Amino acid sequence: MPRLTARFWVDAYLTRLRLQDIPAFVVAHGDDTGGAVLVKLATLDGRAVLFQRSFDLMTGDRKWIELATGDEPEVDATVTRQRSFDPDLWVIEVEDRQGRHLLDEPGFS
């Protein structure tokens, strides 16, 4: 099965969020073809959760896991550290008081 480019996945994700009236922004534009993606969910109360896609070697499945959670400045520091390791990294910031991010919906793994 061919892999989607990072840019295609990001564009599709932003479209799905927009259709649900969930604000989201590209904070860091990574490599269009192969860049990894981090999704930061800011709940607008000073807290945030950072998600990264993980690959299960046993099953071959991909799923989103929490990389960091806590006060927003701490989560931002984690993003900064990750970007220092990987300059091709995409960072998407989702802002939703209800904590919606849609990563658990079909098609986003």
PDB file of N, CA and C in Angstrom:
ATOM      1  N   MET A   1       0.841  -1.177   0.000  1.00  0.00           N
ATOM      2  CA  MET A   1       0.000   0.000   0.000  1.00  0.00           C
ATOM      3  C   MET A   1       0.889   1.244   0.000  1.00  0.00           C
ATOM      4  N   PRO A   2       0.667   2.153  -0.924  1.00  0.00           N
ATOM      5  CA  PRO A   2       1.487   3.366  -0.960  1.00  0.00           C
ATOM      6  C   PRO A   2       1.192   4.262   0.236  1.00  0.00           C
ATOM      7  N   ARG A   3       2.219   4.931   0.703  1.00  0.00           N
ATOM      8  CA  ARG A   3       2.076   5.861   1.823  1.00  0.00           C
ATOM      9  C   ARG A   3       1.670   7.228   1.312  1.00  0.00           C
ATOM     10  N   LEU A   4       0.863   7.906   2.119  1.00  0.00           N
ATOM     11  CA  LEU A   4       0.501   9.288   1.807  1.00  0.00           C
ATOM     12  C   LEU A   4       1.673  10.189   2.134  1.00  0.00           C
ATOM     13  N   THR A   5       1.821  11.254   1.376  1.00  0.00           N
ATOM     14  CA  THR A   5       2.848  12.224   1.739  1.00  0.00           C
ATOM     15  C   THR A   5       2.400  12.961   2.990  1.00  0.00           C
ATOM     16  N   ALA A   6       3.347  13.508   3.710  1.00  0.00           N
ATOM     17  CA  ALA A   6       3.030  14.262   4.922  1.00  0.00           C
ATOM     18  C   ALA A   6       2.135  15.445   4.581  1.00  0.00           C
ATOM     19  N   ARG A   7       2.430  16.132   3.511  1.00  0.00           N
ATOM     20  CA  ARG A   7       1.644  17.301   3.124  1.00  0.00           C
ATOM     21  C   ARG A   7       0.188  16.929   2.831  1.00  0.00           C
ATOM     22  N   PHE A   8      -0.024  15.831   2.137  1.00  0.00           N
ATOM     23  CA  PHE A   8      -1.371  15.371   1.826  1.00  0.00           C
ATOM     24  C   PHE A   8      -2.128  15.062   3.109  1.00  0.00           C
ATOM     25  N   TRP A   9      -1.477  14.344   4.041  1.00  0.00           N
ATOM     26  CA  TRP A   9      -2.118  13.986   5.306  1.00  0.00           C
ATOM     27  C   TRP A   9      -2.463  15.254   6.103  1.00  0.00           C
ATOM     28  N   VAL A  10      -1.537  16.185   6.195  1.00  0.00           N
ATOM     29  CA  VAL A  10      -1.773  17.427   6.935  1.00  0.00           C
ATOM     30  C   VAL A  10      -2.943  18.196   6.327  1.00  0.00           C
ATOM     31  N   ASP A  11      -2.966  18.315   5.007  1.00  0.00           N
ATOM     32  CA  ASP A  11      -4.062  19.035   4.354  1.00  0.00           C
ATOM     33  C   ASP A  11      -5.406  18.366   4.630  1.00  0.00           C
ATOM     34  N   ALA A  12      -5.453  17.043   4.568  1.00  0.00           N
ATOM     35  CA  ALA A  12      -6.693  16.316   4.836  1.00  0.00           C
ATOM     36  C   ALA A  12      -7.123  16.496   6.295  1.00  0.00           C
ATOM     37  N   TYR A  13      -6.166  16.428   7.204  1.00  0.00           N
ATOM     38  CA  TYR A  13      -6.471  16.596   8.631  1.00  0.00           C
ATOM     39  C   TYR A  13      -7.022  18.000   8.908  1.00  0.00           C
ATOM     40  N   LEU A  14      -6.380  19.011   8.370  1.00  0.00           N
ATOM     41  CA  LEU A  14      -6.851  20.386   8.568  1.00  0.00           C
ATOM     42  C   LEU A  14      -8.251  20.585   7.985  1.00  0.00           C
ATOM     43  N   THR A  15      -8.524  19.949   6.869  1.00  0.00           N
ATOM     44  CA  THR A  15      -9.854  20.045   6.267  1.00  0.00           C
ATOM     45  C   THR A  15     -10.902  19.408   7.171  1.00  0.00           C
ATOM     46  N   ARG A  16     -10.616  18.218   7.691  1.00  0.00           N
ATOM     47  CA  ARG A  16     -11.575  17.556   8.590  1.00  0.00           C
ATOM     48  C   ARG A  16     -11.811  18.379   9.842  1.00  0.00           C
ATOM     49  N   LEU A  17     -10.772  18.982  10.386  1.00  0.00           N
ATOM     50  CA  LEU A  17     -10.944  19.838  11.558  1.00  0.00           C
ATOM     51  C   LEU A  17     -11.804  21.051  11.216  1.00  0.00           C
ATOM     52  N   ARG A  18     -11.517  21.663  10.082  1.00  0.00           N
ATOM     53  CA  ARG A  18     -12.276  22.845   9.668  1.00  0.00           C
ATOM     54  C   ARG A  18     -13.759  22.511   9.492  1.00  0.00           C
ATOM     55  N   LEU A  19     -14.067  21.334   8.941  1.00  0.00           N
ATOM     56  CA  LEU A  19     -15.454  20.923   8.755  1.00  0.00           C
ATOM     57  C   LEU A  19     -16.186  20.733  10.090  1.00  0.00           C
ATOM     58  N   GLN A  20     -15.426  20.491  11.156  1.00  0.00           N
ATOM     59  CA  GLN A  20     -16.002  20.353  12.495  1.00  0.00           C
ATOM     60  C   GLN A  20     -15.906  21.657  13.292  1.00  0.00           C
ATOM     61  N   ASP A  21     -15.502  22.742  12.625  1.00  0.00           N
ATOM     62  CA  ASP A  21     -15.316  24.054  13.269  1.00  0.00           C
ATOM     63  C   ASP A  21     -14.333  23.998  14.436  1.00  0.00           C
ATOM     64  N   ILE A  22     -13.251  23.243  14.234  1.00  0.00           N
ATOM     65  CA  ILE A  22     -12.180  23.152  15.217  1.00  0.00           C
ATOM     66  C   ILE A  22     -10.978  23.901  14.654  1.00  0.00           C
ATOM     67  N   PRO A  23     -10.573  25.006  15.282  1.00  0.00           N
ATOM     68  CA  PRO A  23      -9.426  25.764  14.776  1.00  0.00           C
ATOM     69  C   PRO A  23      -8.125  24.960  14.860  1.00  0.00           C
ATOM     70  N   ALA A  24      -7.326  25.048  13.810  1.00  0.00           N
ATOM     71  CA  ALA A  24      -6.031  24.372  13.776  1.00  0.00           C
ATOM     72  C   ALA A  24      -5.089  25.167  12.877  1.00  0.00           C
ATOM     73  N   PHE A  25      -3.802  25.108  13.230  1.00  0.00           N
ATOM     74  CA  PHE A  25      -2.795  25.900  12.536  1.00  0.00           C
ATOM     75  C   PHE A  25      -1.535  25.077  12.345  1.00  0.00           C
ATOM     76  N   VAL A  26      -0.860  25.304  11.223  1.00  0.00           N
ATOM     77  CA  VAL A  26       0.459  24.703  11.004  1.00  0.00           C
ATOM     78  C   VAL A  26       1.461  25.607  11.714  1.00  0.00           C
ATOM     79  N   VAL A  27       2.069  25.104  12.769  1.00  0.00           N
ATOM     80  CA  VAL A  27       3.047  25.863  13.554  1.00  0.00           C
ATOM     81  C   VAL A  27       4.442  25.682  12.971  1.00  0.00           C
ATOM     82  N   ALA A  28       4.704  24.477  12.458  1.00  0.00           N
ATOM     83  CA  ALA A  28       5.992  24.198  11.819  1.00  0.00           C
ATOM     84  C   ALA A  28       5.732  23.357  10.575  1.00  0.00           C
ATOM     85  N   HIS A  29       6.200  23.846   9.430  1.00  0.00           N
ATOM     86  CA  HIS A  29       6.033  23.161   8.150  1.00  0.00           C
ATOM     87  C   HIS A  29       7.237  22.263   7.940  1.00  0.00           C
ATOM     88  N   GLY A  30       6.989  20.960   7.987  1.00  0.00           N
ATOM     89  CA  GLY A  30       8.072  19.999   7.808  1.00  0.00           C
ATOM     90  C   GLY A  30       8.257  19.626   6.354  1.00  0.00           C
ATOM     91  N   ASP A  31       8.947  18.524   6.140  1.00  0.00           N
ATOM     92  CA  ASP A  31       9.190  18.021   4.797  1.00  0.00           C
ATOM     93  C   ASP A  31       7.870  17.573   4.176  1.00  0.00           C
ATOM     94  N   ASP A  32       7.610  18.012   2.954  1.00  0.00           N
ATOM     95  CA  ASP A  32       6.336  17.712   2.306  1.00  0.00           C
ATOM     96  C   ASP A  32       6.106  16.227   2.053  1.00  0.00           C
ATOM     97  N   THR A  33       7.153  15.480   1.818  1.00  0.00           N
ATOM     98  CA  THR A  33       6.954  14.067   1.493  1.00  0.00           C
ATOM     99  C   THR A  33       7.080  13.150   2.691  1.00  0.00           C
ATOM    100  N   GLY A  34       8.115  13.314   3.487  1.00  0.00           N
ATOM    101  CA  GLY A  34       8.362  12.328   4.525  1.00  0.00           C
ATOM    102  C   GLY A  34       8.432  12.836   5.944  1.00  0.00           C
ATOM    103  N   GLY A  35       8.054  14.059   6.183  1.00  0.00           N
ATOM    104  CA  GLY A  35       8.162  14.594   7.531  1.00  0.00           C
ATOM    105  C   GLY A  35       7.182  13.950   8.499  1.00  0.00           C
ATOM    106  N   ALA A  36       7.647  13.716   9.723  1.00  0.00           N
ATOM    107  CA  ALA A  36       6.762  13.221  10.775  1.00  0.00           C
ATOM    108  C   ALA A  36       5.864  14.370  11.229  1.00  0.00           C
ATOM    109  N   VAL A  37       4.758  14.021  11.905  1.00  0.00           N
ATOM    110  CA  VAL A  37       3.787  15.017  12.325  1.00  0.00           C
ATOM    111  C   VAL A  37       3.538  14.907  13.821  1.00  0.00           C
ATOM    112  N   LEU A  38       3.599  16.048  14.502  1.00  0.00           N
ATOM    113  CA  LEU A  38       3.162  16.154  15.892  1.00  0.00           C
ATOM    114  C   LEU A  38       1.889  16.982  15.902  1.00  0.00           C
ATOM    115  N   VAL A  39       0.943  16.613  16.753  1.00  0.00           N
ATOM    116  CA  VAL A  39      -0.294  17.371  16.907  1.00  0.00           C
ATOM    117  C   VAL A  39      -0.386  17.810  18.358  1.00  0.00           C
ATOM    118  N   LYS A  40      -0.429  19.129  18.547  1.00  0.00           N
ATOM    119  CA  LYS A  40      -0.588  19.703  19.878  1.00  0.00           C
ATOM    120  C   LYS A  40      -2.038  20.137  20.035  1.00  0.00           C
ATOM    121  N   LEU A  41      -2.690  19.619  21.069  1.00  0.00           N
ATOM    122  CA  LEU A  41      -4.053  20.015  21.389  1.00  0.00           C
ATOM    123  C   LEU A  41      -4.006  20.979  22.562  1.00  0.00           C
ATOM    124  N   ALA A  42      -4.367  22.230  22.324  1.00  0.00           N
ATOM    125  CA  ALA A  42      -4.444  23.241  23.378  1.00  0.00           C
ATOM    126  C   ALA A  42      -5.915  23.395  23.754  1.00  0.00           C
ATOM    127  N   THR A  43      -6.218  23.193  25.033  1.00  0.00           N
ATOM    128  CA  THR A  43      -7.609  23.277  25.482  1.00  0.00           C
ATOM    129  C   THR A  43      -7.976  24.672  25.971  1.00  0.00           C
ATOM    130  N   LEU A  44      -7.085  25.627  25.761  1.00  0.00           N
ATOM    131  CA  LEU A  44      -7.329  27.046  26.038  1.00  0.00           C
ATOM    132  C   LEU A  44      -7.572  27.342  27.508  1.00  0.00           C
ATOM    133  N   ASP A  45      -7.070  26.470  28.373  1.00  0.00           N
ATOM    134  CA  ASP A  45      -7.133  26.690  29.820  1.00  0.00           C
ATOM    135  C   ASP A  45      -5.737  26.613  30.440  1.00  0.00           C
ATOM    136  N   GLY A  46      -4.722  26.766  29.579  1.00  0.00           N
ATOM    137  CA  GLY A  46      -3.340  26.674  30.039  1.00  0.00           C
ATOM    138  C   GLY A  46      -2.757  25.275  29.972  1.00  0.00           C
ATOM    139  N   ARG A  47      -3.547  24.312  29.517  1.00  0.00           N
ATOM    140  CA  ARG A  47      -3.112  22.914  29.426  1.00  0.00           C
ATOM    141  C   ARG A  47      -3.024  22.495  27.953  1.00  0.00           C
ATOM    142  N   ALA A  48      -2.246  21.455  27.704  1.00  0.00           N
ATOM    143  CA  ALA A  48      -2.102  20.955  26.336  1.00  0.00           C
ATOM    144  C   ALA A  48      -1.675  19.493  26.366  1.00  0.00           C
ATOM    145  N   VAL A  49      -1.913  18.831  25.249  1.00  0.00           N
ATOM    146  CA  VAL A  49      -1.494  17.443  25.045  1.00  0.00           C
ATOM    147  C   VAL A  49      -0.795  17.390  23.695  1.00  0.00           C
ATOM    148  N   LEU A  50       0.321  16.683  23.641  1.00  0.00           N
ATOM    149  CA  LEU A  50       1.074  16.532  22.396  1.00  0.00           C
ATOM    150  C   LEU A  50       0.992  15.076  21.957  1.00  0.00           C
ATOM    151  N   PHE A  51       0.567  14.873  20.715  1.00  0.00           N
ATOM    152  CA  PHE A  51       0.423  13.535  20.159  1.00  0.00           C
ATOM    153  C   PHE A  51       1.463  13.293  19.077  1.00  0.00           C
ATOM    154  N   GLN A  52       1.928  12.045  19.011  1.00  0.00           N
ATOM    155  CA  GLN A  52       2.783  11.619  17.909  1.00  0.00           C
ATOM    156  C   GLN A  52       2.283  10.272  17.426  1.00  0.00           C
ATOM    157  N   ARG A  53       2.512   9.998  16.170  1.00  0.00           N
ATOM    158  CA  ARG A  53       2.086   8.715  15.617  1.00  0.00           C
ATOM    159  C   ARG A  53       3.166   7.684  15.906  1.00  0.00           C
ATOM    160  N   SER A  54       2.722   6.547  16.406  1.00  0.00           N
ATOM    161  CA  SER A  54       3.629   5.474  16.786  1.00  0.00           C
ATOM    162  C   SER A  54       3.366   4.257  15.913  1.00  0.00           C
ATOM    163  N   PHE A  55       4.407   3.486  15.692  1.00  0.00           N
ATOM    164  CA  PHE A  55       4.327   2.284  14.868  1.00  0.00           C
ATOM    165  C   PHE A  55       4.528   1.074  15.765  1.00  0.00           C
ATOM    166  N   ASP A  56       3.559   0.163  15.775  1.00  0.00           N
ATOM    167  CA  ASP A  56       3.649  -1.066  16.563  1.00  0.00           C
ATOM    168  C   ASP A  56       4.367  -2.126  15.735  1.00  0.00           C
ATOM    169  N   LEU A  57       5.566  -2.508  16.150  1.00  0.00           N
ATOM    170  CA  LEU A  57       6.370  -3.470  15.386  1.00  0.00           C
ATOM    171  C   LEU A  57       5.741  -4.858  15.343  1.00  0.00           C
ATOM    172  N   MET A  58       4.982  -5.207  16.363  1.00  0.00           N
ATOM    173  CA  MET A  58       4.374  -6.543  16.417  1.00  0.00           C
ATOM    174  C   MET A  58       3.199  -6.680  15.444  1.00  0.00           C
ATOM    175  N   THR A  59       2.375  -5.651  15.350  1.00  0.00           N
ATOM    176  CA  THR A  59       1.172  -5.745  14.519  1.00  0.00           C
ATOM    177  C   THR A  59       1.280  -4.976  13.209  1.00  0.00           C
ATOM    178  N   GLY A  60       2.208  -4.040  13.143  1.00  0.00           N
ATOM    179  CA  GLY A  60       2.317  -3.194  11.967  1.00  0.00           C
ATOM    180  C   GLY A  60       1.339  -2.032  11.970  1.00  0.00           C
ATOM    181  N   ASP A  61       0.558  -1.911  13.040  1.00  0.00           N
ATOM    182  CA  ASP A  61      -0.422  -0.829  13.134  1.00  0.00           C
ATOM    183  C   ASP A  61       0.251   0.488  13.502  1.00  0.00           C
ATOM    184  N   ARG A  62      -0.376   1.546  13.065  1.00  0.00           N
ATOM    185  CA  ARG A  62       0.037   2.890  13.454  1.00  0.00           C
ATOM    186  C   ARG A  62      -1.072   3.461  14.308  1.00  0.00           C
ATOM    187  N   LYS A  63      -0.684   4.142  15.392  1.00  0.00           N
ATOM    188  CA  LYS A  63      -1.682   4.774  16.238  1.00  0.00           C
ATOM    189  C   LYS A  63      -1.086   6.025  16.863  1.00  0.00           C
ATOM    190  N   TRP A  64      -1.951   6.911  17.305  1.00  0.00           N
ATOM    191  CA  TRP A  64      -1.530   8.153  17.929  1.00  0.00           C
ATOM    192  C   TRP A  64      -1.395   7.935  19.420  1.00  0.00           C
ATOM    193  N   ILE A  65      -0.265   8.349  19.978  1.00  0.00           N
ATOM    194  CA  ILE A  65      -0.030   8.228  21.415  1.00  0.00           C
ATOM    195  C   ILE A  65       0.297   9.607  21.983  1.00  0.00           C
ATOM    196  N   GLU A  66       0.095   9.761  23.277  1.00  0.00           N
ATOM    197  CA  GLU A  66       0.455  11.013  23.945  1.00  0.00           C
ATOM    198  C   GLU A  66       1.955  11.034  24.179  1.00  0.00           C
ATOM    199  N   LEU A  67       2.593  12.052  23.661  1.00  0.00           N
ATOM    200  CA  LEU A  67       4.026  12.243  23.869  1.00  0.00           C
ATOM    201  C   LEU A  67       4.265  13.077  25.113  1.00  0.00           C
ATOM    202  N   ALA A  68       3.379  14.050  25.350  1.00  0.00           N
ATOM    203  CA  ALA A  68       3.500  14.919  26.526  1.00  0.00           C
ATOM    204  C   ALA A  68       2.116  15.468  26.862  1.00  0.00           C
ATOM    205  N   THR A  69       1.906  15.740  28.134  1.00  0.00           N
ATOM    206  CA  THR A  69       0.669  16.367  28.582  1.00  0.00           C
ATOM    207  C   THR A  69       0.987  17.213  29.804  1.00  0.00           C
ATOM    208  N   GLY A  70       0.298  18.320  29.948  1.00  0.00           N
ATOM    209  CA  GLY A  70       0.551  19.178  31.100  1.00  0.00           C
ATOM    210  C   GLY A  70       0.316  20.633  30.777  1.00  0.00           C
ATOM    211  N   ASP A  71       1.009  21.493  31.521  1.00  0.00           N
ATOM    212  CA  ASP A  71       0.896  22.925  31.270  1.00  0.00           C
ATOM    213  C   ASP A  71       1.437  23.230  29.871  1.00  0.00           C
ATOM    214  N   GLU A  72       0.779  24.163  29.199  1.00  0.00           N
ATOM    215  CA  GLU A  72       1.124  24.437  27.807  1.00  0.00           C
ATOM    216  C   GLU A  72       2.592  24.809  27.602  1.00  0.00           C
ATOM    217  N   PRO A  73       3.209  25.628  28.461  1.00  0.00           N
ATOM    218  CA  PRO A  73       4.638  25.922  28.240  1.00  0.00           C
ATOM    219  C   PRO A  73       5.527  24.672  28.311  1.00  0.00           C
ATOM    220  N   GLU A  74       5.171  23.709  29.150  1.00  0.00           N
ATOM    221  CA  GLU A  74       5.950  22.462  29.225  1.00  0.00           C
ATOM    222  C   GLU A  74       5.793  21.653  27.938  1.00  0.00           C
ATOM    223  N   VAL A  75       4.586  21.604  27.419  1.00  0.00           N
ATOM    224  CA  VAL A  75       4.343  20.882  26.166  1.00  0.00           C
ATOM    225  C   VAL A  75       5.070  21.583  25.021  1.00  0.00           C
ATOM    226  N   ASP A  76       5.044  22.920  25.015  1.00  0.00           N
ATOM    227  CA  ASP A  76       5.780  23.670  23.993  1.00  0.00           C
ATOM    228  C   ASP A  76       7.277  23.379  24.058  1.00  0.00           C
ATOM    229  N   ALA A  77       7.812  23.213  25.262  1.00  0.00           N
ATOM    230  CA  ALA A  77       9.235  22.880  25.417  1.00  0.00           C
ATOM    231  C   ALA A  77       9.531  21.508  24.806  1.00  0.00           C
ATOM    232  N   THR A  78       8.602  20.572  24.950  1.00  0.00           N
ATOM    233  CA  THR A  78       8.768  19.254  24.335  1.00  0.00           C
ATOM    234  C   THR A  78       8.781  19.378  22.819  1.00  0.00           C
ATOM    235  N   VAL A  79       7.902  20.206  22.273  1.00  0.00           N
ATOM    236  CA  VAL A  79       7.880  20.433  20.824  1.00  0.00           C
ATOM    237  C   VAL A  79       9.222  21.006  20.364  1.00  0.00           C
ATOM    238  N   THR A  80       9.737  21.986  21.096  1.00  0.00           N
ATOM    239  CA  THR A  80      11.017  22.598  20.748  1.00  0.00           C
ATOM    240  C   THR A  80      12.137  21.561  20.746  1.00  0.00           C
ATOM    241  N   ARG A  81      12.157  20.691  21.761  1.00  0.00           N
ATOM    242  CA  ARG A  81      13.178  19.629  21.811  1.00  0.00           C
ATOM    243  C   ARG A  81      13.047  18.693  20.613  1.00  0.00           C
ATOM    244  N   GLN A  82      11.817  18.277  20.310  1.00  0.00           N
ATOM    245  CA  GLN A  82      11.610  17.371  19.180  1.00  0.00           C
ATOM    246  C   GLN A  82      12.049  18.010  17.861  1.00  0.00           C
ATOM    247  N   ARG A  83      11.760  19.291  17.700  1.00  0.00           N
ATOM    248  CA  ARG A  83      12.156  19.986  16.465  1.00  0.00           C
ATOM    249  C   ARG A  83      13.675  20.110  16.367  1.00  0.00           C
ATOM    250  N   SER A  84      14.372  20.180  17.503  1.00  0.00           N
ATOM    251  CA  SER A  84      15.834  20.255  17.453  1.00  0.00           C
ATOM    252  C   SER A  84      16.436  18.940  16.960  1.00  0.00           C
ATOM    253  N   PHE A  85      15.743  17.816  17.181  1.00  0.00           N
ATOM    254  CA  PHE A  85      16.191  16.501  16.703  1.00  0.00           C
ATOM    255  C   PHE A  85      15.814  16.269  15.250  1.00  0.00           C
ATOM    256  N   ASP A  86      14.680  16.843  14.827  1.00  0.00           N
ATOM    257  CA  ASP A  86      14.113  16.537  13.516  1.00  0.00           C
ATOM    258  C   ASP A  86      13.641  17.818  12.817  1.00  0.00           C
ATOM    259  N   PRO A  87      14.465  18.406  11.981  1.00  0.00           N
ATOM    260  CA  PRO A  87      14.081  19.650  11.301  1.00  0.00           C
ATOM    261  C   PRO A  87      12.969  19.454  10.257  1.00  0.00           C
ATOM    262  N   ASP A  88      12.675  18.199   9.874  1.00  0.00           N
ATOM    263  CA  ASP A  88      11.629  17.916   8.893  1.00  0.00           C
ATOM    264  C   ASP A  88      10.257  17.727   9.536  1.00  0.00           C
ATOM    265  N   LEU A  89      10.168  17.977  10.836  1.00  0.00           N
ATOM    266  CA  LEU A  89       8.960  17.721  11.613  1.00  0.00           C
ATOM    267  C   LEU A  89       7.867  18.751  11.353  1.00  0.00           C
ATOM    268  N   TRP A  90       6.654  18.271  11.152  1.00  0.00           N
ATOM    269  CA  TRP A  90       5.466  19.119  11.078  1.00  0.00           C
ATOM    270  C   TRP A  90       4.898  19.251  12.487  1.00  0.00           C
ATOM    271  N   VAL A  91       4.395  20.428  12.830  1.00  0.00           N
ATOM    272  CA  VAL A  91       3.693  20.617  14.098  1.00  0.00           C
ATOM    273  C   VAL A  91       2.367  21.305  13.781  1.00  0.00           C
ATOM    274  N   ILE A  92       1.288  20.639  14.154  1.00  0.00           N
ATOM    275  CA  ILE A  92      -0.057  21.174  13.974  1.00  0.00           C
ATOM    276  C   ILE A  92      -0.598  21.511  15.357  1.00  0.00           C
ATOM    277  N   GLU A  93      -1.114  22.721  15.533  1.00  0.00           N
ATOM    278  CA  GLU A  93      -1.728  23.097  16.806  1.00  0.00           C
ATOM    279  C   GLU A  93      -3.234  23.169  16.628  1.00  0.00           C
ATOM    280  N   VAL A  94      -3.939  22.398  17.450  1.00  0.00           N
ATOM    281  CA  VAL A  94      -5.392  22.358  17.458  1.00  0.00           C
ATOM    282  C   VAL A  94      -5.847  23.066  18.719  1.00  0.00           C
ATOM    283  N   GLU A  95      -6.831  23.949  18.593  1.00  0.00           N
ATOM    284  CA  GLU A  95      -7.348  24.674  19.753  1.00  0.00           C
ATOM    285  C   GLU A  95      -8.816  24.328  19.938  1.00  0.00           C
ATOM    286  N   ASP A  96      -9.113  23.650  21.051  1.00  0.00           N
ATOM    287  CA  ASP A  96     -10.494  23.261  21.296  1.00  0.00           C
ATOM    288  C   ASP A  96     -10.726  23.070  22.794  1.00  0.00           C
ATOM    289  N   ARG A  97     -11.635  23.848  23.342  1.00  0.00           N
ATOM    290  CA  ARG A  97     -11.961  23.761  24.774  1.00  0.00           C
ATOM    291  C   ARG A  97     -12.517  22.398  25.151  1.00  0.00           C
ATOM    292  N   GLN A  98     -13.176  21.725  24.214  1.00  0.00           N
ATOM    293  CA  GLN A  98     -13.770  20.414  24.481  1.00  0.00           C
ATOM    294  C   GLN A  98     -12.756  19.275  24.360  1.00  0.00           C
ATOM    295  N   GLY A  99     -11.551  19.583  23.919  1.00  0.00           N
ATOM    296  CA  GLY A  99     -10.512  18.559  23.798  1.00  0.00           C
ATOM    297  C   GLY A  99     -10.633  17.686  22.560  1.00  0.00           C
ATOM    298  N   ARG A 100     -11.343  18.166  21.538  1.00  0.00           N
ATOM    299  CA  ARG A 100     -11.492  17.377  20.310  1.00  0.00           C
ATOM    300  C   ARG A 100     -10.245  17.537  19.437  1.00  0.00           C
ATOM    301  N   HIS A 101      -9.782  16.424  18.903  1.00  0.00           N
ATOM    302  CA  HIS A 101      -8.631  16.448  17.993  1.00  0.00           C
ATOM    303  C   HIS A 101      -8.839  15.566  16.771  1.00  0.00           C
ATOM    304  N   LEU A 102      -9.815  14.698  16.808  1.00  0.00           N
ATOM    305  CA  LEU A 102     -10.220  13.804  15.706  1.00  0.00           C
ATOM    306  C   LEU A 102      -9.199  12.723  15.365  1.00  0.00           C
ATOM    307  N   LEU A 103      -8.099  12.637  16.079  1.00  0.00           N
ATOM    308  CA  LEU A 103      -7.072  11.638  15.750  1.00  0.00           C
ATOM    309  C   LEU A 103      -7.549  10.216  15.994  1.00  0.00           C
ATOM    310  N   ASP A 104      -8.584  10.068  16.808  1.00  0.00           N
ATOM    311  CA  ASP A 104      -9.115   8.746  17.092  1.00  0.00           C
ATOM    312  C   ASP A 104     -10.183   8.309  16.077  1.00  0.00           C
ATOM    313  N   GLU A 105     -10.464   9.154  15.095  1.00  0.00           N
ATOM    314  CA  GLU A 105     -11.445   8.822  14.064  1.00  0.00           C
ATOM    315  C   GLU A 105     -10.799   7.997  12.943  1.00  0.00           C
ATOM    316  N   PRO A 106     -11.611   7.206  12.242  1.00  0.00           N
ATOM    317  CA  PRO A 106     -11.071   6.393  11.134  1.00  0.00           C
ATOM    318  C   PRO A 106     -10.362   7.248  10.082  1.00  0.00           C
ATOM    319  N   GLY A 107      -9.247   6.732   9.587  1.00  0.00           N
ATOM    320  CA  GLY A 107      -8.516   7.393   8.527  1.00  0.00           C
ATOM    321  C   GLY A 107      -7.335   8.222   8.983  1.00  0.00           C
ATOM    322  N   PHE A 108      -7.157   8.385  10.293  1.00  0.00           N
ATOM    323  CA  PHE A 108      -6.058   9.223  10.768  1.00  0.00           C
ATOM    324  C   PHE A 108      -4.880   8.446  11.357  1.00  0.00           C
ATOM    325  N   SER A 109      -4.996   7.142  11.410  1.00  0.00           N
ATOM    326  CA  SER A 109      -3.861   6.386  11.936  1.00  0.00           C
ATOM    327  C   SER A 109      -2.811   6.290  10.853  1.00  0.00           C
TER     328      SER A 109
END
